[in-house]
Each structure stands twice: as structure tokens, then as C-alpha cells.
N, C-alpha and C. Protein backbone atom coordinates (compact mmCIF):
# COMPACT_ATOMS: atom_id res chain seq x y z
N MET A 1 -37.63 -0.05 2.88
CA MET A 1 -36.91 -0.66 1.76
C MET A 1 -35.60 -1.26 2.31
N GLU A 2 -35.24 -2.41 1.79
CA GLU A 2 -34.00 -3.07 2.18
C GLU A 2 -33.16 -3.29 0.92
N VAL A 3 -31.89 -2.88 0.97
CA VAL A 3 -31.00 -2.98 -0.18
C VAL A 3 -29.75 -3.74 0.22
N ARG A 4 -29.36 -4.69 -0.62
CA ARG A 4 -28.13 -5.45 -0.38
C ARG A 4 -26.91 -4.55 -0.59
N ILE A 5 -25.82 -4.85 0.13
CA ILE A 5 -24.60 -4.03 0.03
C ILE A 5 -24.02 -4.05 -1.39
N ASP A 6 -24.03 -5.21 -2.04
CA ASP A 6 -23.46 -5.27 -3.39
C ASP A 6 -24.28 -4.43 -4.38
N LYS A 7 -25.59 -4.48 -4.24
CA LYS A 7 -26.44 -3.68 -5.13
C LYS A 7 -26.28 -2.19 -4.84
N TYR A 8 -26.17 -1.83 -3.57
CA TYR A 8 -26.00 -0.42 -3.20
C TYR A 8 -24.70 0.15 -3.77
N LEU A 9 -23.60 -0.62 -3.65
CA LEU A 9 -22.32 -0.16 -4.18
C LEU A 9 -22.37 0.02 -5.69
N TRP A 10 -23.10 -0.85 -6.37
CA TRP A 10 -23.27 -0.72 -7.81
C TRP A 10 -24.13 0.51 -8.13
N CYS A 11 -25.19 0.72 -7.36
CA CYS A 11 -26.09 1.84 -7.61
C CYS A 11 -25.41 3.20 -7.44
N ILE A 12 -24.51 3.31 -6.47
CA ILE A 12 -23.83 4.60 -6.25
C ILE A 12 -22.51 4.68 -7.01
N ARG A 13 -22.32 3.76 -7.96
CA ARG A 13 -21.22 3.81 -8.92
C ARG A 13 -19.83 3.58 -8.32
N VAL A 14 -19.75 2.83 -7.24
CA VAL A 14 -18.43 2.48 -6.70
C VAL A 14 -17.80 1.42 -7.59
N TYR A 15 -18.62 0.47 -8.05
CA TYR A 15 -18.15 -0.58 -8.95
C TYR A 15 -18.92 -0.51 -10.26
N LYS A 16 -18.26 -0.91 -11.35
CA LYS A 16 -18.86 -0.81 -12.68
C LYS A 16 -19.97 -1.83 -12.91
N SER A 17 -19.90 -2.96 -12.23
CA SER A 17 -20.94 -3.97 -12.42
C SER A 17 -21.34 -4.55 -11.07
N ARG A 18 -22.50 -5.13 -11.05
CA ARG A 18 -22.98 -5.76 -9.82
C ARG A 18 -22.09 -6.93 -9.47
N THR A 19 -21.61 -7.65 -10.48
CA THR A 19 -20.72 -8.79 -10.26
C THR A 19 -19.42 -8.33 -9.60
N ASP A 20 -18.88 -7.21 -10.05
CA ASP A 20 -17.66 -6.67 -9.43
C ASP A 20 -17.89 -6.36 -7.95
N ALA A 21 -19.05 -5.78 -7.65
CA ALA A 21 -19.38 -5.45 -6.26
C ALA A 21 -19.52 -6.72 -5.42
N THR A 22 -20.17 -7.73 -5.97
CA THR A 22 -20.34 -9.00 -5.26
C THR A 22 -18.99 -9.66 -5.00
N ASP A 23 -18.13 -9.69 -6.02
CA ASP A 23 -16.80 -10.29 -5.87
C ASP A 23 -15.97 -9.54 -4.84
N ALA A 24 -16.09 -8.21 -4.81
CA ALA A 24 -15.35 -7.42 -3.83
C ALA A 24 -15.80 -7.75 -2.41
N CYS A 25 -17.09 -7.93 -2.22
CA CYS A 25 -17.61 -8.30 -0.89
C CYS A 25 -17.10 -9.68 -0.49
N LYS A 26 -17.16 -10.62 -1.42
CA LYS A 26 -16.71 -11.98 -1.13
C LYS A 26 -15.20 -12.02 -0.86
N GLY A 27 -14.47 -11.12 -1.52
CA GLY A 27 -13.01 -11.09 -1.38
C GLY A 27 -12.51 -10.30 -0.19
N GLY A 28 -13.40 -9.79 0.64
CA GLY A 28 -12.99 -9.05 1.83
C GLY A 28 -12.54 -7.63 1.56
N LYS A 29 -12.88 -7.08 0.40
CA LYS A 29 -12.46 -5.72 0.05
C LYS A 29 -13.48 -4.67 0.47
N VAL A 30 -14.61 -5.11 0.99
CA VAL A 30 -15.66 -4.19 1.44
C VAL A 30 -15.90 -4.41 2.92
N LYS A 31 -15.96 -3.31 3.67
CA LYS A 31 -16.25 -3.38 5.10
C LYS A 31 -17.35 -2.38 5.41
N VAL A 32 -18.23 -2.76 6.33
CA VAL A 32 -19.28 -1.86 6.79
C VAL A 32 -19.09 -1.68 8.28
N ASN A 33 -18.92 -0.44 8.69
CA ASN A 33 -18.67 -0.09 10.10
C ASN A 33 -17.49 -0.90 10.66
N GLY A 34 -16.48 -1.13 9.82
CA GLY A 34 -15.26 -1.80 10.26
C GLY A 34 -15.28 -3.31 10.19
N GLY A 35 -16.39 -3.92 9.82
CA GLY A 35 -16.47 -5.38 9.79
C GLY A 35 -16.66 -5.90 8.37
N ASP A 36 -16.11 -7.10 8.10
CA ASP A 36 -16.30 -7.72 6.80
C ASP A 36 -17.77 -8.02 6.57
N VAL A 37 -18.17 -8.02 5.30
CA VAL A 37 -19.58 -8.26 4.97
C VAL A 37 -19.71 -9.28 3.86
N LYS A 38 -20.87 -9.93 3.84
CA LYS A 38 -21.25 -10.78 2.72
C LYS A 38 -22.03 -9.90 1.75
N PRO A 39 -22.10 -10.29 0.48
CA PRO A 39 -22.81 -9.46 -0.50
C PRO A 39 -24.29 -9.25 -0.19
N SER A 40 -24.89 -10.15 0.58
CA SER A 40 -26.32 -10.05 0.84
C SER A 40 -26.67 -9.21 2.06
N ARG A 41 -25.66 -8.66 2.74
CA ARG A 41 -25.94 -7.88 3.95
C ARG A 41 -26.73 -6.62 3.60
N PRO A 42 -27.83 -6.35 4.32
CA PRO A 42 -28.59 -5.14 4.04
C PRO A 42 -27.87 -3.88 4.54
N VAL A 43 -28.02 -2.81 3.79
CA VAL A 43 -27.42 -1.52 4.13
C VAL A 43 -28.44 -0.71 4.92
N GLN A 44 -27.95 0.06 5.89
CA GLN A 44 -28.83 0.92 6.67
C GLN A 44 -28.31 2.36 6.60
N VAL A 45 -29.20 3.31 6.71
CA VAL A 45 -28.81 4.72 6.71
C VAL A 45 -27.87 4.95 7.90
N GLY A 46 -26.76 5.62 7.65
CA GLY A 46 -25.78 5.90 8.69
C GLY A 46 -24.59 4.97 8.67
N ASP A 47 -24.67 3.86 7.93
CA ASP A 47 -23.54 2.94 7.82
C ASP A 47 -22.36 3.63 7.14
N VAL A 48 -21.15 3.27 7.55
CA VAL A 48 -19.94 3.76 6.91
C VAL A 48 -19.34 2.58 6.16
N ILE A 49 -19.23 2.73 4.84
CA ILE A 49 -18.74 1.67 3.97
C ILE A 49 -17.34 2.01 3.50
N THR A 50 -16.43 1.03 3.61
CA THR A 50 -15.08 1.17 3.09
C THR A 50 -14.91 0.14 1.99
N ALA A 51 -14.57 0.60 0.79
CA ALA A 51 -14.39 -0.28 -0.36
C ALA A 51 -13.01 -0.08 -0.94
N ARG A 52 -12.24 -1.16 -1.03
CA ARG A 52 -10.88 -1.07 -1.57
C ARG A 52 -10.92 -1.42 -3.05
N LYS A 53 -10.41 -0.49 -3.85
CA LYS A 53 -10.28 -0.71 -5.29
C LYS A 53 -8.84 -0.41 -5.65
N GLY A 54 -8.09 -1.44 -5.99
CA GLY A 54 -6.67 -1.27 -6.26
C GLY A 54 -5.96 -0.87 -4.98
N ALA A 55 -5.20 0.20 -5.04
CA ALA A 55 -4.45 0.66 -3.87
C ALA A 55 -5.22 1.66 -3.02
N VAL A 56 -6.40 2.06 -3.47
CA VAL A 56 -7.16 3.11 -2.80
C VAL A 56 -8.32 2.52 -2.01
N CYS A 57 -8.49 3.01 -0.77
CA CYS A 57 -9.64 2.62 0.07
C CYS A 57 -10.62 3.79 0.09
N TYR A 58 -11.74 3.62 -0.58
CA TYR A 58 -12.77 4.65 -0.61
C TYR A 58 -13.69 4.47 0.59
N THR A 59 -14.13 5.58 1.17
CA THR A 59 -15.02 5.55 2.32
C THR A 59 -16.27 6.37 2.02
N TYR A 60 -17.43 5.77 2.29
CA TYR A 60 -18.71 6.42 2.04
C TYR A 60 -19.61 6.30 3.25
N LYS A 61 -20.44 7.30 3.46
CA LYS A 61 -21.47 7.24 4.50
C LYS A 61 -22.82 7.16 3.79
N VAL A 62 -23.64 6.21 4.20
CA VAL A 62 -24.95 6.01 3.59
C VAL A 62 -25.90 7.09 4.09
N LEU A 63 -26.40 7.91 3.17
CA LEU A 63 -27.33 8.98 3.51
C LEU A 63 -28.78 8.56 3.25
N ASP A 64 -28.98 7.76 2.22
CA ASP A 64 -30.31 7.27 1.87
C ASP A 64 -30.14 6.00 1.06
N LEU A 65 -31.18 5.17 1.03
CA LEU A 65 -31.12 3.91 0.30
C LEU A 65 -31.59 4.11 -1.13
N VAL A 66 -30.99 3.36 -2.04
CA VAL A 66 -31.34 3.43 -3.45
C VAL A 66 -31.19 2.02 -4.03
N ASP A 67 -32.12 1.65 -4.94
CA ASP A 67 -32.03 0.32 -5.52
C ASP A 67 -31.94 0.33 -7.04
N LYS A 68 -31.76 1.52 -7.62
CA LYS A 68 -31.55 1.64 -9.06
C LYS A 68 -30.25 2.42 -9.30
N ARG A 69 -29.51 2.00 -10.32
CA ARG A 69 -28.23 2.66 -10.63
C ARG A 69 -28.47 4.13 -10.94
N GLN A 70 -27.62 4.98 -10.36
CA GLN A 70 -27.77 6.42 -10.49
C GLN A 70 -26.68 6.99 -11.41
N GLY A 71 -27.00 8.08 -12.04
CA GLY A 71 -25.99 8.83 -12.78
C GLY A 71 -25.05 9.47 -11.78
N ALA A 72 -23.84 9.79 -12.21
CA ALA A 72 -22.83 10.34 -11.31
C ALA A 72 -23.31 11.61 -10.62
N ALA A 73 -24.07 12.43 -11.32
CA ALA A 73 -24.56 13.68 -10.73
C ALA A 73 -25.64 13.44 -9.68
N ASN A 74 -26.28 12.27 -9.71
CA ASN A 74 -27.37 11.98 -8.78
C ASN A 74 -26.95 11.20 -7.55
N VAL A 75 -25.67 10.89 -7.40
CA VAL A 75 -25.20 10.08 -6.28
C VAL A 75 -25.14 10.84 -4.95
N PRO A 76 -24.77 12.12 -4.88
CA PRO A 76 -24.61 12.80 -3.59
C PRO A 76 -25.78 12.72 -2.60
N PRO A 77 -27.04 12.69 -3.02
CA PRO A 77 -28.10 12.54 -2.01
C PRO A 77 -28.13 11.17 -1.33
N TYR A 78 -27.46 10.19 -1.92
CA TYR A 78 -27.51 8.82 -1.39
C TYR A 78 -26.27 8.43 -0.61
N ALA A 79 -25.11 9.01 -0.95
CA ALA A 79 -23.86 8.64 -0.29
C ALA A 79 -22.94 9.85 -0.19
N GLN A 80 -22.33 9.99 0.98
CA GLN A 80 -21.36 11.06 1.20
C GLN A 80 -19.97 10.46 1.10
N ASN A 81 -19.13 11.02 0.25
CA ASN A 81 -17.78 10.52 0.07
C ASN A 81 -16.90 11.06 1.19
N LEU A 82 -16.41 10.15 2.05
CA LEU A 82 -15.55 10.53 3.18
C LEU A 82 -14.10 10.11 2.96
N THR A 83 -13.74 9.79 1.72
CA THR A 83 -12.41 9.29 1.42
C THR A 83 -11.36 10.34 1.77
N PRO A 84 -10.35 9.98 2.61
CA PRO A 84 -9.31 10.95 2.97
C PRO A 84 -8.48 11.37 1.75
N GLU A 85 -7.96 12.57 1.81
CA GLU A 85 -7.18 13.13 0.69
C GLU A 85 -5.95 12.27 0.37
N GLU A 86 -5.31 11.71 1.41
CA GLU A 86 -4.10 10.92 1.15
C GLU A 86 -4.41 9.64 0.36
N GLU A 87 -5.62 9.13 0.49
CA GLU A 87 -6.03 7.97 -0.32
C GLU A 87 -6.21 8.39 -1.77
N LEU A 88 -6.81 9.55 -1.99
CA LEU A 88 -7.03 10.03 -3.35
C LEU A 88 -5.72 10.37 -4.05
N LEU A 89 -4.70 10.76 -3.28
CA LEU A 89 -3.40 11.06 -3.87
C LEU A 89 -2.75 9.81 -4.47
N LYS A 90 -3.14 8.64 -3.98
CA LYS A 90 -2.59 7.40 -4.54
C LYS A 90 -3.00 7.22 -6.00
N LEU A 91 -4.10 7.83 -6.40
CA LEU A 91 -4.54 7.75 -7.79
C LEU A 91 -3.59 8.48 -8.72
N ARG A 92 -2.95 9.52 -8.22
CA ARG A 92 -2.05 10.33 -9.04
C ARG A 92 -0.60 9.87 -8.95
N ALA A 93 -0.34 8.89 -8.09
CA ALA A 93 1.02 8.39 -7.93
C ALA A 93 1.48 7.72 -9.23
N PRO A 94 2.77 7.81 -9.53
CA PRO A 94 3.26 7.16 -10.75
C PRO A 94 3.03 5.65 -10.66
N VAL A 95 2.64 5.10 -11.76
CA VAL A 95 2.35 3.68 -11.81
C VAL A 95 3.63 2.91 -12.10
N GLU A 96 3.93 1.97 -11.22
CA GLU A 96 5.10 1.14 -11.42
C GLU A 96 4.68 -0.07 -12.22
N THR A 97 5.35 -0.28 -13.32
CA THR A 97 5.03 -1.44 -14.13
C THR A 97 6.24 -2.36 -14.17
N PHE A 98 5.96 -3.61 -14.23
CA PHE A 98 7.03 -4.58 -14.40
C PHE A 98 6.45 -5.78 -15.12
N PHE A 99 7.31 -6.54 -15.72
CA PHE A 99 6.87 -7.69 -16.47
C PHE A 99 7.48 -8.94 -15.85
N LEU A 100 6.65 -9.95 -15.72
CA LEU A 100 7.14 -11.24 -15.27
C LEU A 100 7.54 -12.00 -16.53
N LYS A 101 8.82 -12.30 -16.65
CA LYS A 101 9.31 -12.96 -17.85
C LYS A 101 9.48 -14.44 -17.57
N ARG A 102 8.94 -15.22 -18.45
CA ARG A 102 9.10 -16.66 -18.35
C ARG A 102 9.91 -17.12 -19.55
N ASP A 103 10.73 -18.11 -19.33
CA ASP A 103 11.54 -18.65 -20.42
C ASP A 103 10.63 -19.24 -21.50
N ARG A 104 11.05 -19.07 -22.72
CA ARG A 104 10.29 -19.61 -23.84
C ARG A 104 10.25 -21.14 -23.73
N GLY A 105 9.07 -21.68 -23.88
CA GLY A 105 8.92 -23.13 -23.81
C GLY A 105 8.77 -23.65 -22.39
N ALA A 106 8.67 -22.74 -21.42
CA ALA A 106 8.57 -23.18 -20.02
C ALA A 106 7.16 -23.70 -19.71
N GLY A 107 6.20 -23.44 -20.59
CA GLY A 107 4.84 -23.92 -20.36
C GLY A 107 4.07 -23.00 -19.43
N ARG A 108 2.92 -23.50 -19.04
CA ARG A 108 2.07 -22.72 -18.15
C ARG A 108 2.66 -22.69 -16.74
N PRO A 109 2.38 -21.61 -16.00
CA PRO A 109 2.88 -21.57 -14.62
C PRO A 109 2.21 -22.65 -13.77
N THR A 110 2.97 -23.21 -12.86
CA THR A 110 2.40 -24.17 -11.92
C THR A 110 1.60 -23.42 -10.87
N LYS A 111 0.89 -24.16 -10.05
CA LYS A 111 0.11 -23.52 -8.98
C LYS A 111 1.03 -22.76 -8.04
N LYS A 112 2.19 -23.31 -7.75
CA LYS A 112 3.16 -22.65 -6.89
C LYS A 112 3.66 -21.36 -7.53
N ASP A 113 3.96 -21.42 -8.85
CA ASP A 113 4.41 -20.22 -9.57
C ASP A 113 3.33 -19.14 -9.52
N ARG A 114 2.07 -19.53 -9.73
CA ARG A 114 0.97 -18.58 -9.73
C ARG A 114 0.83 -17.91 -8.37
N ARG A 115 0.96 -18.67 -7.30
CA ARG A 115 0.88 -18.09 -5.95
C ARG A 115 1.99 -17.08 -5.71
N GLN A 116 3.19 -17.41 -6.19
CA GLN A 116 4.31 -16.48 -6.03
C GLN A 116 4.07 -15.19 -6.81
N MET A 117 3.53 -15.31 -8.03
CA MET A 117 3.25 -14.12 -8.83
C MET A 117 2.16 -13.28 -8.18
N ASP A 118 1.09 -13.93 -7.69
CA ASP A 118 0.02 -13.21 -7.01
C ASP A 118 0.52 -12.50 -5.76
N SER A 119 1.39 -13.18 -5.02
CA SER A 119 1.97 -12.58 -3.81
C SER A 119 2.77 -11.33 -4.15
N LEU A 120 3.54 -11.41 -5.23
CA LEU A 120 4.33 -10.27 -5.67
C LEU A 120 3.43 -9.11 -6.08
N TRP A 121 2.36 -9.40 -6.83
CA TRP A 121 1.43 -8.35 -7.24
C TRP A 121 0.78 -7.69 -6.04
N ASN A 122 0.33 -8.49 -5.06
CA ASN A 122 -0.32 -7.93 -3.87
C ASN A 122 0.65 -7.07 -3.08
N GLU A 123 1.88 -7.51 -3.00
CA GLU A 123 2.88 -6.74 -2.26
C GLU A 123 3.11 -5.38 -2.92
N LEU A 124 3.13 -5.35 -4.26
CA LEU A 124 3.31 -4.09 -4.97
C LEU A 124 2.08 -3.21 -4.86
N ASP A 125 0.88 -3.80 -4.92
CA ASP A 125 -0.35 -3.02 -4.85
C ASP A 125 -0.56 -2.40 -3.48
N TYR A 126 -0.32 -3.16 -2.44
CA TYR A 126 -0.70 -2.70 -1.10
C TYR A 126 0.48 -2.50 -0.17
N GLY A 127 1.69 -2.86 -0.60
CA GLY A 127 2.87 -2.65 0.23
C GLY A 127 2.96 -3.58 1.42
N VAL A 128 2.12 -4.61 1.47
CA VAL A 128 2.13 -5.54 2.59
C VAL A 128 2.24 -6.94 2.03
N PRO A 129 3.23 -7.70 2.46
CA PRO A 129 3.31 -9.09 2.01
C PRO A 129 2.07 -9.87 2.47
N ASP A 130 1.69 -10.91 1.71
CA ASP A 130 0.49 -11.69 2.02
C ASP A 130 0.52 -12.29 3.41
N ASP A 131 1.69 -12.74 3.87
CA ASP A 131 1.75 -13.38 5.19
C ASP A 131 1.64 -12.35 6.32
N MET A 132 1.62 -11.06 6.02
CA MET A 132 1.52 -10.01 7.03
C MET A 132 0.09 -9.48 7.16
N ASP A 133 -0.86 -9.98 6.32
CA ASP A 133 -2.23 -9.45 6.33
C ASP A 133 -2.95 -9.65 7.65
N GLU A 134 -2.68 -10.74 8.34
CA GLU A 134 -3.43 -11.02 9.56
C GLU A 134 -3.05 -10.14 10.67
């Protein structure tokens, strides 16, 4: 049996929808054995998958292949959760909220404004400015 990475991540409940899993693969948020993957890459037993959701990087080891979505109680035979404790602690960290205020009547943000806002959000989520990713 051959299973695509996006379908596998959806089946083991890493992402809520198959579309979310596909978008994460396309966006570089999913790595298999340390390398970026396309959504169509087949998964093999023994692969180590790292999936970033928000500020947390989840790590799973593929124990068996599955092509149908599983209930939460049925996931352990298919994937072993190797996520380090310090990553899970990020879930309990206080959430910093802030509002981007625009002047009334300023209209829609320009493309430049949108890039600046996205850069600010990424910096807050991951602590790394966008120009430092490489």
C-alpha cells in the first residue's frame, strides 16, 4: 500500500482536514526525515515526520500505513508521537495578543502593508524575522 503524506497526516489526526495537510506540505511546514516534501510524496514505515502547527513542531514516527481517518484512540498503532516536552510546553504558554490598528477611512491595506503585517505575525509566532529564515 502507498499513502500520500498529506493523506497520512490527515488520517492520524495531525490536521483537521486534508486540505490543511496539503497546504502545510506546500507551505514548507512538513518535513520527512529532515527534508521538505510535496503533498504527493509517499510515506514509508520508519519515516520521521515533523509538522509545524503554530509555534509547535510535532514529531511523529511512522509505525504503519493507514489510508482512512482514525479515531484518536486508534492512532497509536500507526504513529508514535516523538514530540519533545519543550515543544508541548509552548501550548501552555500565555498567548500574546495584539491588535493592528488602522486609521478610520484608511481603506484596505496595500500589498506592502500586508507583507509588513505578515512579517510581524511570523516574528511573534516563531521568534524569527522572515529575512532570517534561510
